[in-house]
Amino acid sequence: MSTDLSWVADAMRQTVPWVSSAGITFHEVTATRVVCGLPDVEGQRNHVGGPHAAVMFGLAETASGAVGLAAFSGEMGRATPLVVRSEIRYRKVALGELTAEAVLGRGVDEVIAELDSGVRPEFAVECVIRDANDVVTAEMTVVWTLRPNKAK
């Protein structure tokens, strides 16, 4: 059975204004993998003519957040996704448009079972950023948690 996750891109644009202002596009969204794109914008370039490190980081973090939203959308009424930590490894100078592929690093059922047991789960999302020539320019790990919402 296939689940329609086309709403995730709109939700990201509505809840995170930077996503729209940066021009991030969503090429693929599944419950375990998201591919996002970032156009080459002159005003977002660094001193060597490529996309600034900050926008590269933002692209990958956005893709990782979209994976979390897609994977755990059924839990959003009782938990809030938050970034715990991130590590980015810049590999090569990026040029042109970028894509970021984010892949969920743990099983959805395993994370939900931890949440159900009262544990505040953490899950890693592994991201790969490629430039317009399909060259891997950076890799990033974003560790997320599902923080249980306080009862009102």
N, C-alpha and C. Protein backbone atom coordinates (compact mmCIF):
# COMPACT_ATOMS: atom_id res chain seq x y z
N MET A 1 0.84 -1.18 0.00
CA MET A 1 0.00 0.00 0.00
C MET A 1 0.88 1.24 0.00
N SER A 2 0.55 2.21 -0.82
CA SER A 2 1.32 3.44 -0.93
C SER A 2 0.61 4.56 -0.18
N THR A 3 1.36 5.33 0.56
CA THR A 3 0.80 6.45 1.30
C THR A 3 1.15 7.74 0.57
N ASP A 4 0.14 8.58 0.36
CA ASP A 4 0.35 9.85 -0.32
C ASP A 4 0.98 10.85 0.64
N LEU A 5 2.19 11.25 0.36
CA LEU A 5 2.91 12.21 1.20
C LEU A 5 3.15 13.53 0.47
N SER A 6 2.35 13.81 -0.55
CA SER A 6 2.53 15.04 -1.32
C SER A 6 2.31 16.29 -0.46
N TRP A 7 1.62 16.17 0.64
CA TRP A 7 1.35 17.29 1.53
C TRP A 7 2.59 17.76 2.30
N VAL A 8 3.61 16.90 2.40
CA VAL A 8 4.79 17.23 3.21
C VAL A 8 5.48 18.50 2.70
N ALA A 9 5.65 18.63 1.39
CA ALA A 9 6.31 19.82 0.84
C ALA A 9 5.56 21.09 1.22
N ASP A 10 4.24 21.08 1.08
CA ASP A 10 3.45 22.27 1.45
C ASP A 10 3.56 22.55 2.95
N ALA A 11 3.52 21.50 3.75
CA ALA A 11 3.63 21.69 5.20
C ALA A 11 4.97 22.30 5.57
N MET A 12 6.04 21.86 4.92
CA MET A 12 7.37 22.42 5.20
C MET A 12 7.41 23.90 4.81
N ARG A 13 6.85 24.24 3.65
CA ARG A 13 6.85 25.64 3.21
C ARG A 13 6.01 26.52 4.14
N GLN A 14 4.93 26.00 4.66
CA GLN A 14 4.04 26.78 5.53
C GLN A 14 4.58 26.94 6.94
N THR A 15 5.24 25.92 7.47
CA THR A 15 5.68 25.98 8.86
C THR A 15 7.11 26.48 9.03
N VAL A 16 7.90 26.44 7.95
CA VAL A 16 9.28 26.92 8.01
C VAL A 16 9.46 27.94 6.88
N PRO A 17 9.21 29.22 7.15
CA PRO A 17 9.25 30.23 6.09
C PRO A 17 10.55 30.25 5.27
N TRP A 18 11.68 29.90 5.88
CA TRP A 18 12.95 29.91 5.15
C TRP A 18 12.91 28.97 3.96
N VAL A 19 12.18 27.88 4.06
CA VAL A 19 12.10 26.91 2.97
C VAL A 19 11.60 27.59 1.70
N SER A 20 10.56 28.40 1.82
CA SER A 20 10.03 29.13 0.66
C SER A 20 10.96 30.23 0.21
N SER A 21 11.47 31.01 1.16
CA SER A 21 12.33 32.15 0.77
C SER A 21 13.63 31.68 0.13
N ALA A 22 14.12 30.51 0.51
CA ALA A 22 15.35 29.98 -0.09
C ALA A 22 15.08 29.36 -1.46
N GLY A 23 13.81 29.04 -1.73
CA GLY A 23 13.46 28.43 -3.02
C GLY A 23 13.64 26.92 -3.06
N ILE A 24 13.59 26.27 -1.91
CA ILE A 24 13.77 24.81 -1.87
C ILE A 24 12.59 24.13 -2.55
N THR A 25 12.92 23.13 -3.36
CA THR A 25 11.91 22.33 -4.04
C THR A 25 12.00 20.90 -3.52
N PHE A 26 10.90 20.18 -3.65
CA PHE A 26 10.85 18.79 -3.18
C PHE A 26 10.65 17.90 -4.39
N HIS A 27 11.64 17.05 -4.67
CA HIS A 27 11.61 16.18 -5.83
C HIS A 27 11.03 14.81 -5.51
N GLU A 28 11.27 14.33 -4.29
CA GLU A 28 10.77 13.01 -3.88
C GLU A 28 10.54 13.02 -2.39
N VAL A 29 9.39 12.48 -1.96
CA VAL A 29 9.09 12.38 -0.54
C VAL A 29 8.49 11.01 -0.27
N THR A 30 9.20 10.21 0.55
CA THR A 30 8.65 8.97 1.07
C THR A 30 8.83 9.02 2.58
N ALA A 31 8.33 8.01 3.27
CA ALA A 31 8.43 7.98 4.72
C ALA A 31 9.86 7.74 5.21
N THR A 32 10.77 7.36 4.31
CA THR A 32 12.15 7.09 4.73
C THR A 32 13.19 7.83 3.90
N ARG A 33 12.75 8.58 2.88
CA ARG A 33 13.71 9.26 1.99
C ARG A 33 13.07 10.50 1.39
N VAL A 34 13.84 11.59 1.39
CA VAL A 34 13.41 12.84 0.76
C VAL A 34 14.56 13.38 -0.07
N VAL A 35 14.23 13.88 -1.25
CA VAL A 35 15.21 14.57 -2.09
C VAL A 35 14.69 15.98 -2.33
N CYS A 36 15.51 16.96 -1.96
CA CYS A 36 15.17 18.38 -2.10
C CYS A 36 16.18 19.04 -3.04
N GLY A 37 15.76 20.15 -3.63
CA GLY A 37 16.65 20.92 -4.49
C GLY A 37 16.76 22.36 -4.04
N LEU A 38 17.87 22.98 -4.37
CA LEU A 38 18.12 24.39 -4.07
C LEU A 38 18.69 25.05 -5.31
N PRO A 39 18.03 26.09 -5.82
CA PRO A 39 18.54 26.75 -7.02
C PRO A 39 19.85 27.49 -6.75
N ASP A 40 20.58 27.75 -7.79
CA ASP A 40 21.81 28.54 -7.71
C ASP A 40 21.42 30.01 -7.73
N VAL A 41 21.55 30.66 -6.58
CA VAL A 41 21.15 32.07 -6.44
C VAL A 41 22.41 32.88 -6.16
N GLU A 42 22.67 33.85 -7.01
CA GLU A 42 23.90 34.65 -6.88
C GLU A 42 24.08 35.23 -5.48
N GLY A 43 23.00 35.71 -4.88
CA GLY A 43 23.08 36.31 -3.55
C GLY A 43 23.32 35.32 -2.43
N GLN A 44 23.33 34.01 -2.73
CA GLN A 44 23.58 32.99 -1.72
C GLN A 44 24.94 32.32 -1.92
N ARG A 45 25.77 32.90 -2.77
CA ARG A 45 27.08 32.31 -3.04
C ARG A 45 28.13 32.77 -2.04
N ASN A 46 29.17 31.98 -1.94
CA ASN A 46 30.29 32.31 -1.06
C ASN A 46 31.42 32.99 -1.84
N HIS A 47 32.56 33.13 -1.22
CA HIS A 47 33.70 33.84 -1.80
C HIS A 47 34.37 33.09 -2.95
N VAL A 48 34.03 31.81 -3.17
CA VAL A 48 34.61 31.06 -4.29
C VAL A 48 33.56 30.77 -5.37
N GLY A 49 32.39 31.39 -5.26
CA GLY A 49 31.38 31.30 -6.31
C GLY A 49 30.39 30.17 -6.20
N GLY A 50 30.47 29.39 -5.14
CA GLY A 50 29.51 28.30 -4.95
C GLY A 50 28.49 28.67 -3.89
N PRO A 51 27.50 27.81 -3.70
CA PRO A 51 26.51 28.07 -2.65
C PRO A 51 27.18 28.17 -1.28
N HIS A 52 26.78 29.14 -0.50
CA HIS A 52 27.33 29.35 0.83
C HIS A 52 27.09 28.13 1.71
N ALA A 53 28.02 27.86 2.61
CA ALA A 53 27.91 26.72 3.51
C ALA A 53 26.60 26.75 4.31
N ALA A 54 26.15 27.93 4.66
CA ALA A 54 24.91 28.04 5.44
C ALA A 54 23.69 27.54 4.66
N VAL A 55 23.62 27.85 3.37
CA VAL A 55 22.47 27.38 2.60
C VAL A 55 22.59 25.88 2.31
N MET A 56 23.80 25.38 2.18
CA MET A 56 23.98 23.93 2.02
C MET A 56 23.49 23.21 3.28
N PHE A 57 23.87 23.72 4.43
CA PHE A 57 23.43 23.16 5.70
C PHE A 57 21.90 23.22 5.78
N GLY A 58 21.34 24.37 5.44
CA GLY A 58 19.89 24.55 5.51
C GLY A 58 19.14 23.62 4.59
N LEU A 59 19.68 23.37 3.39
CA LEU A 59 19.05 22.45 2.46
C LEU A 59 18.99 21.05 3.05
N ALA A 60 20.11 20.57 3.58
CA ALA A 60 20.14 19.21 4.14
C ALA A 60 19.28 19.11 5.40
N GLU A 61 19.30 20.12 6.24
CA GLU A 61 18.48 20.10 7.45
C GLU A 61 17.01 20.09 7.08
N THR A 62 16.63 20.82 6.03
CA THR A 62 15.25 20.82 5.56
C THR A 62 14.84 19.44 5.06
N ALA A 63 15.70 18.81 4.28
CA ALA A 63 15.40 17.46 3.79
C ALA A 63 15.25 16.49 4.96
N SER A 64 16.12 16.61 5.96
CA SER A 64 16.03 15.72 7.12
C SER A 64 14.74 15.95 7.89
N GLY A 65 14.33 17.19 8.02
CA GLY A 65 13.08 17.50 8.71
C GLY A 65 11.87 16.97 7.96
N ALA A 66 11.93 17.03 6.64
CA ALA A 66 10.83 16.50 5.82
C ALA A 66 10.71 14.99 5.99
N VAL A 67 11.84 14.29 6.11
CA VAL A 67 11.81 12.85 6.37
C VAL A 67 11.14 12.59 7.72
N GLY A 68 11.53 13.34 8.72
CA GLY A 68 10.93 13.17 10.05
C GLY A 68 9.43 13.42 10.03
N LEU A 69 9.01 14.46 9.32
CA LEU A 69 7.58 14.76 9.23
C LEU A 69 6.84 13.65 8.50
N ALA A 70 7.41 13.18 7.40
CA ALA A 70 6.76 12.11 6.64
C ALA A 70 6.69 10.81 7.45
N ALA A 71 7.78 10.49 8.13
CA ALA A 71 7.83 9.22 8.87
C ALA A 71 6.95 9.22 10.11
N PHE A 72 6.88 10.37 10.79
CA PHE A 72 6.23 10.41 12.09
C PHE A 72 5.02 11.34 12.14
N SER A 73 4.41 11.60 11.00
CA SER A 73 3.27 12.52 10.96
C SER A 73 2.14 12.06 11.87
N GLY A 74 1.98 10.77 12.03
CA GLY A 74 0.94 10.25 12.90
C GLY A 74 1.17 10.51 14.37
N GLU A 75 2.38 10.93 14.72
CA GLU A 75 2.73 11.18 16.12
C GLU A 75 2.76 12.67 16.46
N MET A 76 2.54 13.56 15.50
CA MET A 76 2.69 14.99 15.72
C MET A 76 1.70 15.54 16.75
N GLY A 77 0.59 14.88 16.98
CA GLY A 77 -0.35 15.33 18.00
C GLY A 77 0.16 15.13 19.41
N ARG A 78 1.11 14.24 19.58
CA ARG A 78 1.62 13.94 20.93
C ARG A 78 3.11 14.21 21.11
N ALA A 79 3.80 14.55 20.02
CA ALA A 79 5.24 14.81 20.13
C ALA A 79 5.66 15.85 19.10
N THR A 80 6.70 16.59 19.44
CA THR A 80 7.24 17.63 18.57
C THR A 80 8.64 17.21 18.13
N PRO A 81 8.90 17.20 16.82
CA PRO A 81 10.26 16.87 16.36
C PRO A 81 11.20 18.05 16.58
N LEU A 82 12.36 17.77 17.13
CA LEU A 82 13.39 18.79 17.38
C LEU A 82 14.76 18.24 17.02
N VAL A 83 15.61 19.09 16.48
CA VAL A 83 16.99 18.69 16.20
C VAL A 83 17.76 18.63 17.51
N VAL A 84 18.49 17.54 17.71
CA VAL A 84 19.35 17.37 18.88
C VAL A 84 20.76 17.85 18.55
N ARG A 85 21.28 17.42 17.40
CA ARG A 85 22.62 17.83 16.98
C ARG A 85 22.76 17.55 15.49
N SER A 86 23.72 18.23 14.89
CA SER A 86 24.01 18.05 13.46
C SER A 86 25.51 18.10 13.26
N GLU A 87 25.96 17.35 12.27
CA GLU A 87 27.37 17.41 11.87
C GLU A 87 27.41 17.39 10.35
N ILE A 88 28.11 18.37 9.79
CA ILE A 88 28.24 18.42 8.33
C ILE A 88 29.71 18.28 7.97
N ARG A 89 29.95 17.55 6.89
CA ARG A 89 31.30 17.33 6.40
C ARG A 89 31.34 17.84 4.96
N TYR A 90 31.99 18.97 4.75
CA TYR A 90 32.12 19.54 3.41
C TYR A 90 33.23 18.81 2.68
N ARG A 91 32.93 18.27 1.50
CA ARG A 91 33.88 17.43 0.77
C ARG A 91 34.54 18.13 -0.41
N LYS A 92 33.75 18.87 -1.20
CA LYS A 92 34.26 19.55 -2.39
C LYS A 92 33.52 20.85 -2.56
N VAL A 93 34.09 21.77 -3.30
CA VAL A 93 33.40 23.03 -3.60
C VAL A 93 32.17 22.70 -4.44
N ALA A 94 31.04 23.20 -4.01
CA ALA A 94 29.79 23.00 -4.74
C ALA A 94 29.63 24.10 -5.77
N LEU A 95 29.08 23.73 -6.92
CA LEU A 95 28.81 24.72 -7.96
C LEU A 95 27.43 24.46 -8.53
N GLY A 96 26.67 25.52 -8.75
CA GLY A 96 25.37 25.40 -9.38
C GLY A 96 24.28 24.95 -8.43
N GLU A 97 23.21 24.45 -9.02
CA GLU A 97 22.08 23.96 -8.23
C GLU A 97 22.51 22.77 -7.39
N LEU A 98 21.86 22.61 -6.25
CA LEU A 98 22.17 21.52 -5.33
C LEU A 98 20.96 20.63 -5.13
N THR A 99 21.22 19.37 -4.80
CA THR A 99 20.19 18.47 -4.30
C THR A 99 20.69 17.87 -3.01
N ALA A 100 19.77 17.61 -2.12
CA ALA A 100 20.09 16.92 -0.87
C ALA A 100 19.18 15.71 -0.76
N GLU A 101 19.78 14.57 -0.52
CA GLU A 101 19.05 13.33 -0.29
C GLU A 101 19.16 13.00 1.19
N ALA A 102 18.03 12.84 1.86
CA ALA A 102 17.99 12.53 3.29
C ALA A 102 17.34 11.17 3.47
N VAL A 103 17.99 10.32 4.27
CA VAL A 103 17.50 8.95 4.50
C VAL A 103 17.39 8.70 6.00
N LEU A 104 16.22 8.23 6.42
CA LEU A 104 15.98 7.90 7.81
C LEU A 104 16.87 6.74 8.23
N GLY A 105 17.54 6.88 9.37
CA GLY A 105 18.51 5.88 9.80
C GLY A 105 17.99 4.79 10.72
N ARG A 106 16.74 4.89 11.18
CA ARG A 106 16.15 3.87 12.06
C ARG A 106 14.77 3.51 11.56
N GLY A 107 14.29 2.37 11.98
CA GLY A 107 12.95 1.96 11.62
C GLY A 107 11.90 2.81 12.31
N VAL A 108 10.87 3.18 11.57
CA VAL A 108 9.79 3.99 12.11
C VAL A 108 9.15 3.30 13.31
N ASP A 109 8.85 2.02 13.18
CA ASP A 109 8.20 1.28 14.27
C ASP A 109 9.05 1.26 15.54
N GLU A 110 10.36 1.16 15.37
CA GLU A 110 11.27 1.15 16.52
C GLU A 110 11.22 2.48 17.27
N VAL A 111 11.23 3.57 16.54
CA VAL A 111 11.19 4.91 17.15
C VAL A 111 9.86 5.11 17.87
N ILE A 112 8.76 4.72 17.23
CA ILE A 112 7.43 4.88 17.83
C ILE A 112 7.31 4.01 19.07
N ALA A 113 7.89 2.81 19.05
CA ALA A 113 7.85 1.94 20.24
C ALA A 113 8.56 2.60 21.42
N GLU A 114 9.67 3.27 21.17
CA GLU A 114 10.36 3.98 22.24
C GLU A 114 9.49 5.10 22.78
N LEU A 115 8.86 5.86 21.89
CA LEU A 115 7.97 6.94 22.31
C LEU A 115 6.83 6.37 23.16
N ASP A 116 6.25 5.26 22.71
CA ASP A 116 5.15 4.61 23.44
C ASP A 116 5.58 4.16 24.83
N SER A 117 6.86 3.77 24.97
CA SER A 117 7.35 3.27 26.27
C SER A 117 7.75 4.38 27.23
N GLY A 118 7.63 5.62 26.79
CA GLY A 118 7.99 6.74 27.66
C GLY A 118 9.40 7.25 27.46
N VAL A 119 10.14 6.64 26.54
CA VAL A 119 11.50 7.09 26.22
C VAL A 119 11.42 8.18 25.16
N ARG A 120 12.21 9.21 25.32
CA ARG A 120 12.28 10.25 24.29
C ARG A 120 13.24 9.76 23.20
N PRO A 121 12.69 9.26 22.09
CA PRO A 121 13.55 8.63 21.08
C PRO A 121 14.39 9.63 20.31
N GLU A 122 15.52 9.16 19.86
CA GLU A 122 16.36 9.91 18.92
C GLU A 122 16.53 9.06 17.67
N PHE A 123 16.63 9.75 16.54
CA PHE A 123 16.86 9.05 15.28
C PHE A 123 17.71 9.93 14.38
N ALA A 124 18.66 9.28 13.72
CA ALA A 124 19.56 9.99 12.80
C ALA A 124 18.97 9.98 11.40
N VAL A 125 19.23 11.07 10.69
CA VAL A 125 18.91 11.16 9.27
C VAL A 125 20.22 11.48 8.57
N GLU A 126 20.61 10.62 7.63
CA GLU A 126 21.85 10.80 6.87
C GLU A 126 21.53 11.54 5.58
N CYS A 127 22.30 12.59 5.30
CA CYS A 127 22.06 13.44 4.13
C CYS A 127 23.30 13.49 3.25
N VAL A 128 23.07 13.51 1.96
CA VAL A 128 24.13 13.68 0.98
C VAL A 128 23.74 14.86 0.09
N ILE A 129 24.64 15.82 -0.05
CA ILE A 129 24.41 16.98 -0.91
C ILE A 129 25.25 16.82 -2.17
N ARG A 130 24.58 16.98 -3.31
CA ARG A 130 25.26 16.89 -4.62
C ARG A 130 25.07 18.19 -5.36
N ASP A 131 26.08 18.53 -6.18
CA ASP A 131 25.96 19.74 -6.99
C ASP A 131 25.36 19.42 -8.35
N ALA A 132 25.34 20.42 -9.22
CA ALA A 132 24.70 20.28 -10.54
C ALA A 132 25.36 19.21 -11.40
N ASN A 133 26.61 18.87 -11.10
CA ASN A 133 27.33 17.83 -11.84
C ASN A 133 27.23 16.46 -11.16
N ASP A 134 26.33 16.33 -10.18
CA ASP A 134 26.11 15.10 -9.43
C ASP A 134 27.32 14.70 -8.58
N VAL A 135 28.15 15.68 -8.24
CA VAL A 135 29.32 15.46 -7.39
C VAL A 135 28.89 15.61 -5.94
N VAL A 136 29.29 14.66 -5.10
CA VAL A 136 29.00 14.77 -3.67
C VAL A 136 29.87 15.88 -3.10
N THR A 137 29.21 16.92 -2.60
CA THR A 137 29.94 18.08 -2.09
C THR A 137 29.93 18.15 -0.57
N ALA A 138 28.96 17.47 0.06
CA ALA A 138 28.89 17.45 1.52
C ALA A 138 28.04 16.27 1.97
N GLU A 139 28.30 15.85 3.20
CA GLU A 139 27.51 14.82 3.86
C GLU A 139 27.16 15.35 5.24
N MET A 140 25.97 15.06 5.69
CA MET A 140 25.51 15.62 6.96
C MET A 140 24.70 14.57 7.71
N THR A 141 24.88 14.54 9.01
CA THR A 141 24.07 13.72 9.89
C THR A 141 23.29 14.66 10.80
N VAL A 142 21.97 14.49 10.81
CA VAL A 142 21.11 15.27 11.69
C VAL A 142 20.42 14.29 12.62
N VAL A 143 20.61 14.49 13.92
CA VAL A 143 19.96 13.65 14.92
C VAL A 143 18.76 14.42 15.45
N TRP A 144 17.60 13.79 15.33
CA TRP A 144 16.33 14.37 15.77
C TRP A 144 15.82 13.62 17.00
N THR A 145 14.92 14.26 17.73
CA THR A 145 14.18 13.61 18.80
C THR A 145 12.71 13.91 18.61
N LEU A 146 11.88 13.08 19.19
CA LEU A 146 10.44 13.37 19.29
C LEU A 146 10.18 13.69 20.75
N ARG A 147 10.03 14.98 21.04
CA ARG A 147 9.78 15.42 22.42
C ARG A 147 8.29 15.32 22.72
N PRO A 148 7.93 14.51 23.71
CA PRO A 148 6.50 14.40 24.04
C PRO A 148 5.92 15.77 24.40
N ASN A 149 4.72 16.05 23.89
CA ASN A 149 4.04 17.30 24.22
C ASN A 149 3.51 17.23 25.63
N LYS A 150 3.53 18.36 26.32
CA LYS A 150 3.00 18.43 27.68
C LYS A 150 1.48 18.45 27.62
N ALA A 151 0.87 17.75 28.56
CA ALA A 151 -0.60 17.75 28.63
C ALA A 151 -1.08 19.13 29.01
N LYS A 152 -2.18 19.53 28.39
CA LYS A 152 -2.72 20.87 28.67
C LYS A 152 -3.84 20.79 29.66
